[in-house]
Structures are given as C-alpha cells and as structure tokens.
C-alpha cells in the first residue's frame, strides 16, 4: 500500500494497516518535506518524487494508495493526482472502530481510526477522515472529504457538507445541517444549521466569519 504523506497522520494510518496485518510492504510518498529519513521507522521506504514512484510502482506492482494527510482540499488534490496515474484509492478502517451492521455506506479512501463509532443508516462519501474516537449517529450523511478531528460527535439525522472540517471535540446536535467548505472550531456545540463557507465557534456555535 502506498501511503500519501510521511509525517504525523501518515504514521497513524500505518498503525491502522498494522492492526489489519497489512503494514508489510507499505511505502510512503512525500515530495515536500526535506527533513525525512530514507526510511520511516528504519523500515518503510519514502518515495520523494513521481519518477521514484513510477519506478517503484512498476517493479513492485503497486496499485493501491491511501491518504495519510489531513486538510480536505489537499486530500482531494492528492487523490486526483494518484488516480490519474491509474492507482486505486483505498480506505483504511481500524478493527478497533465500531461500525453498524445495517445500512452503512463507506466510500473509497476513508480513514477510519481507532475508537470511531458509526451507528446504523450512515452514509460516508469518498475521502472522509474520521479521527480518533469520533462518533456518528444514525441517519447522518458526511459528504466527500469531510474531516472529523479527534473526539468529534455527530448526533443523529445530521448532514455535513463536503470539504468541511470539525475541530477537536466539536459536537453537532440532532438534525443539524452544516454546509460545505465550513470550519467548526474545537469544542464548539452546533445547535443550528451553518451556511456554506462559514467559520463557526463557541457554545453554542456562532458564525464569526465567511470563508468565501
């Protein structure tokens, strides 16, 4: 598996692969950082450019990649880049996550980390990042490339728009709709609908800035 990124969150994605007994043969890609070793944890190669990746891909029949970076827009950009090379975007789902058995749809490229709880009748679109101990209640929808920081709680019947980020320990109360391209601050409690492209913070959450 190719993990896009080779720093903080990429290490957590590697742990999920390890939990699933899939870490062996993993390789990282990072063409930005200049302070990385040749191999991560003295074991996993780090590819530095597309030329290295192309050669490694052919030699090792490497076809699948997963996202080891945060920030929805960056995740989307990198997923498009590697898809254009004919690679397949894959999810990494921790066995230490709890996922409902009925009417749950999880798209390609979702990172679902340890402690996540997903109940029933949930739809999660491509590229979402569900960080440590996040919870998603029944009949909720996360559109593509939503990012839930650690400890986020999404109540039942909620809808989170694409490319939205919810900060650590934020809570969305039942039936609330958060628009696309929003940022919800850490610890916020969202009890009313939030329009597209808004920054909302506080308890209860209030829109303090347009992100247009």
C-alpha atoms as a PDB file:
ATOM      1  CA  UNK A   1       0.000   0.000   0.000  1.00  0.00           C
ATOM      2  CA  UNK A   2       1.211   3.486  -0.837  1.00  0.00           C
ATOM      3  CA  UNK A   3       0.537   5.996   1.949  1.00  0.00           C
ATOM      4  CA  UNK A   4       0.425   9.566   0.640  1.00  0.00           C
ATOM      5  CA  UNK A   5       2.311  11.614   3.206  1.00  0.00           C
ATOM      6  CA  UNK A   6       5.089  10.580   5.560  1.00  0.00           C
ATOM      7  CA  UNK A   7       4.619  12.670   8.688  1.00  0.00           C
ATOM      8  CA  UNK A   8       2.189  12.820  11.629  1.00  0.00           C
ATOM      9  CA  UNK A   9      -1.100  11.473  10.315  1.00  0.00           C
ATOM     10  CA  UNK A  10       0.620   9.091   7.896  1.00  0.00           C
ATOM     11  CA  UNK A  11       2.131   7.335  10.916  1.00  0.00           C
ATOM     12  CA  UNK A  12      -1.351   6.839  12.349  1.00  0.00           C
ATOM     13  CA  UNK A  13      -2.561   5.397   9.039  1.00  0.00           C
ATOM     14  CA  UNK A  14       0.362   2.960   9.146  1.00  0.00           C
ATOM     15  CA  UNK A  15      -0.826   1.838  12.581  1.00  0.00           C
ATOM     16  CA  UNK A  16      -4.273   1.063  11.154  1.00  0.00           C
ATOM     17  CA  UNK A  17      -2.648  -1.025   8.420  1.00  0.00           C
ATOM     18  CA  UNK A  18      -0.634  -2.806  11.124  1.00  0.00           C
ATOM     19  CA  UNK A  19      -3.812  -3.528  13.091  1.00  0.00           C
ATOM     20  CA  UNK A  20      -5.203  -5.154   9.949  1.00  0.00           C
ATOM     21  CA  UNK A  21      -1.971  -7.108   9.315  1.00  0.00           C
ATOM     22  CA  UNK A  22      -1.453  -5.111   6.101  1.00  0.00           C
ATOM     23  CA  UNK A  23       1.565  -2.978   7.029  1.00  0.00           C
ATOM     24  CA  UNK A  24       4.162  -5.233   5.430  1.00  0.00           C
ATOM     25  CA  UNK A  25       5.293  -3.792   2.125  1.00  0.00           C
ATOM     26  CA  UNK A  26       3.901  -0.324   2.830  1.00  0.00           C
ATOM     27  CA  UNK A  27       5.666   2.632   1.239  1.00  0.00           C
ATOM     28  CA  UNK A  28       5.271   6.386   1.791  1.00  0.00           C
ATOM     29  CA  UNK A  29       5.228   9.283  -0.658  1.00  0.00           C
ATOM     30  CA  UNK A  30       6.307  12.808   0.298  1.00  0.00           C
ATOM     31  CA  UNK A  31       7.650  15.263  -2.289  1.00  0.00           C
ATOM     32  CA  UNK A  32       7.557  18.309   0.004  1.00  0.00           C
ATOM     33  CA  UNK A  33       9.357  17.550   3.277  1.00  0.00           C
ATOM     34  CA  UNK A  34      13.131  17.879   3.380  1.00  0.00           C
ATOM     35  CA  UNK A  35      13.725  16.537   6.906  1.00  0.00           C
ATOM     36  CA  UNK A  36      12.695  12.910   6.450  1.00  0.00           C
ATOM     37  CA  UNK A  37      14.941   9.840   6.761  1.00  0.00           C
ATOM     38  CA  UNK A  38      15.459   7.444   3.873  1.00  0.00           C
ATOM     39  CA  UNK A  39      13.077   5.017   5.556  1.00  0.00           C
ATOM     40  CA  UNK A  40      10.350   5.673   8.116  1.00  0.00           C
ATOM     41  CA  UNK A  41      10.915   3.714  11.328  1.00  0.00           C
ATOM     42  CA  UNK A  42      14.051   2.376   9.577  1.00  0.00           C
ATOM     43  CA  UNK A  43      11.820   0.023   7.615  1.00  0.00           C
ATOM     44  CA  UNK A  44       9.367   1.696   5.232  1.00  0.00           C
ATOM     45  CA  UNK A  45      10.737   3.446   2.110  1.00  0.00           C
ATOM     46  CA  UNK A  46       9.835   7.071   1.431  1.00  0.00           C
ATOM     47  CA  UNK A  47       9.479   7.986  -2.235  1.00  0.00           C
ATOM     48  CA  UNK A  48      10.396  11.597  -2.991  1.00  0.00           C
ATOM     49  CA  UNK A  49       9.064  12.274  -6.485  1.00  0.00           C
ATOM     50  CA  UNK A  50       6.866  10.900  -9.254  1.00  0.00           C
ATOM     51  CA  UNK A  51       9.831   9.321 -11.036  1.00  0.00           C
ATOM     52  CA  UNK A  52      10.699   7.257  -7.968  1.00  0.00           C
ATOM     53  CA  UNK A  53       7.064   6.334  -7.523  1.00  0.00           C
ATOM     54  CA  UNK A  54       6.651   5.273 -11.138  1.00  0.00           C
ATOM     55  CA  UNK A  55       9.704   3.003 -10.985  1.00  0.00           C
ATOM     56  CA  UNK A  56       8.652   1.521  -7.631  1.00  0.00           C
ATOM     57  CA  UNK A  57       5.079   1.044  -8.861  1.00  0.00           C
ATOM     58  CA  UNK A  58       6.194  -0.988 -11.877  1.00  0.00           C
ATOM     59  CA  UNK A  59       8.800  -3.035 -10.027  1.00  0.00           C
ATOM     60  CA  UNK A  60       6.519  -3.927  -7.126  1.00  0.00           C
ATOM     61  CA  UNK A  61       3.139  -3.993  -8.913  1.00  0.00           C
ATOM     62  CA  UNK A  62       1.915  -1.274  -6.585  1.00  0.00           C
ATOM     63  CA  UNK A  63      -1.672  -0.297  -7.434  1.00  0.00           C
ATOM     64  CA  UNK A  64      -3.392   0.906  -4.268  1.00  0.00           C
ATOM     65  CA  UNK A  65      -2.938   4.106  -2.295  1.00  0.00           C
ATOM     66  CA  UNK A  66      -4.471   5.638   0.796  1.00  0.00           C
ATOM     67  CA  UNK A  67      -4.343   9.169   2.173  1.00  0.00           C
ATOM     68  CA  UNK A  68      -2.004   9.920   5.063  1.00  0.00           C
ATOM     69  CA  UNK A  69      -2.562  13.670   5.150  1.00  0.00           C
ATOM     70  CA  UNK A  70      -5.153  15.993   6.626  1.00  0.00           C
ATOM     71  CA  UNK A  71      -6.901  19.044   5.134  1.00  0.00           C
ATOM     72  CA  UNK A  72      -9.806  18.171   2.827  1.00  0.00           C
ATOM     73  CA  UNK A  73      -8.628  20.211  -0.167  1.00  0.00           C
ATOM     74  CA  UNK A  74      -5.147  18.686  -0.022  1.00  0.00           C
ATOM     75  CA  UNK A  75      -6.604  15.208   0.340  1.00  0.00           C
ATOM     76  CA  UNK A  76      -8.792  15.750  -2.719  1.00  0.00           C
ATOM     77  CA  UNK A  77      -5.908  17.172  -4.766  1.00  0.00           C
ATOM     78  CA  UNK A  78      -3.648  14.221  -3.974  1.00  0.00           C
ATOM     79  CA  UNK A  79      -6.357  11.658  -4.591  1.00  0.00           C
ATOM     80  CA  UNK A  80      -6.930  13.109  -8.057  1.00  0.00           C
ATOM     81  CA  UNK A  81      -3.194  13.116  -8.748  1.00  0.00           C
ATOM     82  CA  UNK A  82      -2.708   9.440  -7.970  1.00  0.00           C
ATOM     83  CA  UNK A  83      -5.947   8.332  -9.582  1.00  0.00           C
ATOM     84  CA  UNK A  84      -4.694   9.963 -12.786  1.00  0.00           C
ATOM     85  CA  UNK A  85      -1.741   7.566 -12.609  1.00  0.00           C
ATOM     86  CA  UNK A  86      -4.125   4.623 -12.662  1.00  0.00           C
ATOM     87  CA  UNK A  87      -3.897   3.894  -8.949  1.00  0.00           C
ATOM     88  CA  UNK A  88      -6.864   2.890  -6.818  1.00  0.00           C
ATOM     89  CA  UNK A  89      -7.914   4.989  -3.807  1.00  0.00           C
ATOM     90  CA  UNK A  90      -8.372   2.666  -0.810  1.00  0.00           C
ATOM     91  CA  UNK A  91      -9.866   3.044   2.659  1.00  0.00           C
ATOM     92  CA  UNK A  92      -8.076   2.283   5.906  1.00  0.00           C
ATOM     93  CA  UNK A  93     -10.509   1.177   8.602  1.00  0.00           C
ATOM     94  CA  UNK A  94      -9.291   0.261  12.066  1.00  0.00           C
ATOM     95  CA  UNK A  95     -10.571  -3.013  13.524  1.00  0.00           C
ATOM     96  CA  UNK A  96     -10.821  -1.030  16.751  1.00  0.00           C
ATOM     97  CA  UNK A  97     -13.604   1.084  15.237  1.00  0.00           C
ATOM     98  CA  UNK A  98     -17.236   0.087  15.822  1.00  0.00           C
ATOM     99  CA  UNK A  99     -19.351   0.106  12.670  1.00  0.00           C
ATOM    100  CA  UNK A 100     -23.074  -0.599  12.498  1.00  0.00           C
ATOM    101  CA  UNK A 101     -24.287  -3.654  10.604  1.00  0.00           C
ATOM    102  CA  UNK A 102     -27.294  -2.111   8.861  1.00  0.00           C
ATOM    103  CA  UNK A 103     -27.500   0.414   6.035  1.00  0.00           C
ATOM    104  CA  UNK A 104     -23.953   1.752   6.369  1.00  0.00           C
ATOM    105  CA  UNK A 105     -22.173   3.011   3.233  1.00  0.00           C
ATOM    106  CA  UNK A 106     -18.498   3.955   3.356  1.00  0.00           C
ATOM    107  CA  UNK A 107     -16.891   5.383   0.226  1.00  0.00           C
ATOM    108  CA  UNK A 108     -13.404   4.954  -1.184  1.00  0.00           C
ATOM    109  CA  UNK A 109     -10.440   6.499   0.572  1.00  0.00           C
ATOM    110  CA  UNK A 110     -11.995   6.889   4.014  1.00  0.00           C
ATOM    111  CA  UNK A 111      -9.614   6.862   7.002  1.00  0.00           C
ATOM    112  CA  UNK A 112     -11.481   5.440   9.994  1.00  0.00           C
ATOM    113  CA  UNK A 113      -9.263   5.466  13.064  1.00  0.00           C
ATOM    114  CA  UNK A 114      -9.302   3.643  16.407  1.00  0.00           C
ATOM    115  CA  UNK A 115     -12.254   4.354  18.684  1.00  0.00           C
ATOM    116  CA  UNK A 116     -14.556   5.656  15.956  1.00  0.00           C
ATOM    117  CA  UNK A 117     -18.216   4.692  16.378  1.00  0.00           C
ATOM    118  CA  UNK A 118     -20.541   4.601  13.373  1.00  0.00           C
ATOM    119  CA  UNK A 119     -24.110   3.510  14.060  1.00  0.00           C
ATOM    120  CA  UNK A 120     -26.750   2.408  11.509  1.00  0.00           C
ATOM    121  CA  UNK A 121     -28.157   4.182   8.433  1.00  0.00           C
ATOM    122  CA  UNK A 122     -25.000   6.208   7.839  1.00  0.00           C
ATOM    123  CA  UNK A 123     -23.587   7.386   4.511  1.00  0.00           C
ATOM    124  CA  UNK A 124     -19.963   8.482   4.349  1.00  0.00           C
ATOM    125  CA  UNK A 125     -18.668   9.672   0.986  1.00  0.00           C
ATOM    126  CA  UNK A 126     -15.219   9.417  -0.572  1.00  0.00           C
ATOM    127  CA  UNK A 127     -12.114  10.677   1.172  1.00  0.00           C
ATOM    128  CA  UNK A 128     -13.536  11.435   4.618  1.00  0.00           C
ATOM    129  CA  UNK A 129     -11.196  11.427   7.600  1.00  0.00           C
ATOM    130  CA  UNK A 130     -12.719  10.100  10.825  1.00  0.00           C
ATOM    131  CA  UNK A 131     -10.143  10.689  13.502  1.00  0.00           C
ATOM    132  CA  UNK A 132      -9.668   9.037  16.885  1.00  0.00           C
ATOM    133  CA  UNK A 133     -12.837   8.490  18.956  1.00  0.00           C
ATOM    134  CA  UNK A 134     -15.177  10.393  16.634  1.00  0.00           C
ATOM    135  CA  UNK A 135     -18.814   9.233  16.684  1.00  0.00           C
ATOM    136  CA  UNK A 136     -21.538   9.451  14.033  1.00  0.00           C
ATOM    137  CA  UNK A 137     -25.193   8.929  14.960  1.00  0.00           C
ATOM    138  CA  UNK A 138     -27.979   7.254  12.979  1.00  0.00           C
ATOM    139  CA  UNK A 139     -29.329   8.619   9.692  1.00  0.00           C
ATOM    140  CA  UNK A 140     -26.423  11.018   9.192  1.00  0.00           C
ATOM    141  CA  UNK A 141     -24.562  11.876   5.986  1.00  0.00           C
ATOM    142  CA  UNK A 142     -20.969  13.022   5.553  1.00  0.00           C
ATOM    143  CA  UNK A 143     -20.337  14.308   2.050  1.00  0.00           C
ATOM    144  CA  UNK A 144     -16.961  13.867   0.344  1.00  0.00           C
ATOM    145  CA  UNK A 145     -13.734  14.867   2.071  1.00  0.00           C
ATOM    146  CA  UNK A 146     -15.238  15.836   5.413  1.00  0.00           C
ATOM    147  CA  UNK A 147     -12.687  15.818   8.239  1.00  0.00           C
ATOM    148  CA  UNK A 148     -13.697  14.931  11.789  1.00  0.00           C
ATOM    149  CA  UNK A 149     -10.959  15.749  14.294  1.00  0.00           C
ATOM    150  CA  UNK A 150     -10.429  13.581  17.402  1.00  0.00           C
ATOM    151  CA  UNK A 151     -13.436  13.372  19.707  1.00  0.00           C
ATOM    152  CA  UNK A 152     -16.000  14.922  17.353  1.00  0.00           C
ATOM    153  CA  UNK A 153     -19.590  13.843  17.984  1.00  0.00           C
ATOM    154  CA  UNK A 154     -22.157  13.918  15.190  1.00  0.00           C
ATOM    155  CA  UNK A 155     -25.667  13.270  16.522  1.00  0.00           C
ATOM    156  CA  UNK A 156     -28.491  11.560  14.655  1.00  0.00           C
ATOM    157  CA  UNK A 157     -30.064  12.947  11.458  1.00  0.00           C
ATOM    158  CA  UNK A 158     -27.176  15.329  10.738  1.00  0.00           C
ATOM    159  CA  UNK A 159     -25.769  16.329   7.363  1.00  0.00           C
ATOM    160  CA  UNK A 160     -22.201  17.581   6.941  1.00  0.00           C
ATOM    161  CA  UNK A 161     -21.304  19.212   3.624  1.00  0.00           C
ATOM    162  CA  UNK A 162     -18.254  18.406   1.515  1.00  0.00           C
ATOM    163  CA  UNK A 163     -14.788  19.705   2.444  1.00  0.00           C
ATOM    164  CA  UNK A 164     -15.912  20.738   5.928  1.00  0.00           C
ATOM    165  CA  UNK A 165     -13.621  20.383   8.954  1.00  0.00           C
ATOM    166  CA  UNK A 166     -14.884  19.890  12.502  1.00  0.00           C
ATOM    167  CA  UNK A 167     -12.330  20.696  15.202  1.00  0.00           C
ATOM    168  CA  UNK A 168     -11.390  18.517  18.152  1.00  0.00           C
ATOM    169  CA  UNK A 169     -14.305  17.690  20.495  1.00  0.00           C
ATOM    170  CA  UNK A 170     -16.858  19.627  18.448  1.00  0.00           C
ATOM    171  CA  UNK A 171     -20.441  18.397  18.762  1.00  0.00           C
ATOM    172  CA  UNK A 172     -23.242  18.639  16.208  1.00  0.00           C
ATOM    173  CA  UNK A 173     -26.679  18.267  17.814  1.00  0.00           C
ATOM    174  CA  UNK A 174     -29.514  16.173  16.311  1.00  0.00           C
ATOM    175  CA  UNK A 175     -30.969  17.223  12.991  1.00  0.00           C
ATOM    176  CA  UNK A 176     -28.438  19.976  12.287  1.00  0.00           C
ATOM    177  CA  UNK A 177     -27.071  20.625   8.807  1.00  0.00           C
ATOM    178  CA  UNK A 178     -23.563  22.017   8.380  1.00  0.00           C
ATOM    179  CA  UNK A 179     -22.816  23.400   4.913  1.00  0.00           C
ATOM    180  CA  UNK A 180     -19.897  22.674   2.608  1.00  0.00           C
ATOM    181  CA  UNK A 181     -16.434  24.242   2.976  1.00  0.00           C
ATOM    182  CA  UNK A 182     -17.053  25.114   6.628  1.00  0.00           C
ATOM    183  CA  UNK A 183     -14.727  25.111   9.627  1.00  0.00           C
ATOM    184  CA  UNK A 184     -16.209  24.361  13.038  1.00  0.00           C
ATOM    185  CA  UNK A 185     -13.942  25.323  15.918  1.00  0.00           C
ATOM    186  CA  UNK A 186     -12.636  22.965  18.575  1.00  0.00           C
ATOM    187  CA  UNK A 187     -15.138  22.323  21.360  1.00  0.00           C
ATOM    188  CA  UNK A 188     -17.994  24.061  19.546  1.00  0.00           C
ATOM    189  CA  UNK A 189     -21.571  22.884  20.071  1.00  0.00           C
ATOM    190  CA  UNK A 190     -23.549  23.299  16.873  1.00  0.00           C
ATOM    191  CA  UNK A 191     -27.292  23.563  17.546  1.00  0.00           C
ATOM    192  CA  UNK A 192     -28.410  25.453  14.413  1.00  0.00           C
ATOM    193  CA  UNK A 193     -27.765  24.981  10.703  1.00  0.00           C
ATOM    194  CA  UNK A 194     -24.493  26.506   9.464  1.00  0.00           C
ATOM    195  CA  UNK A 195     -24.413  28.018   5.949  1.00  0.00           C
ATOM    196  CA  UNK A 196     -21.781  27.101   3.357  1.00  0.00           C
ATOM    197  CA  UNK A 197     -18.267  28.522   3.682  1.00  0.00           C
ATOM    198  CA  UNK A 198     -18.596  29.634   7.296  1.00  0.00           C
ATOM    199  CA  UNK A 199     -16.293  29.638  10.307  1.00  0.00           C
ATOM    200  CA  UNK A 200     -18.311  28.878  13.435  1.00  0.00           C
ATOM    201  CA  UNK A 201     -17.033  28.703  17.012  1.00  0.00           C
ATOM    202  CA  UNK A 202     -18.298  28.662  20.577  1.00  0.00           C
ATOM    203  CA  UNK A 203     -21.003  27.172  22.783  1.00  0.00           C
ATOM    204  CA  UNK A 204     -23.459  27.435  21.207  1.00  0.00           C
ATOM    205  CA  UNK A 205     -21.637  27.806  17.905  1.00  0.00           C
ATOM    206  CA  UNK A 206     -21.983  31.114  16.089  1.00  0.00           C
ATOM    207  CA  UNK A 207     -20.773  32.084  12.635  1.00  0.00           C
ATOM    208  CA  UNK A 208     -17.998  34.644  13.042  1.00  0.00           C
ATOM    209  CA  UNK A 209     -16.601  34.787   9.526  1.00  0.00           C
ATOM    210  CA  UNK A 210     -17.363  33.950   5.910  1.00  0.00           C
ATOM    211  CA  UNK A 211     -14.704  31.829   4.228  1.00  0.00           C
ATOM    212  CA  UNK A 212     -15.633  32.899   0.706  1.00  0.00           C
END
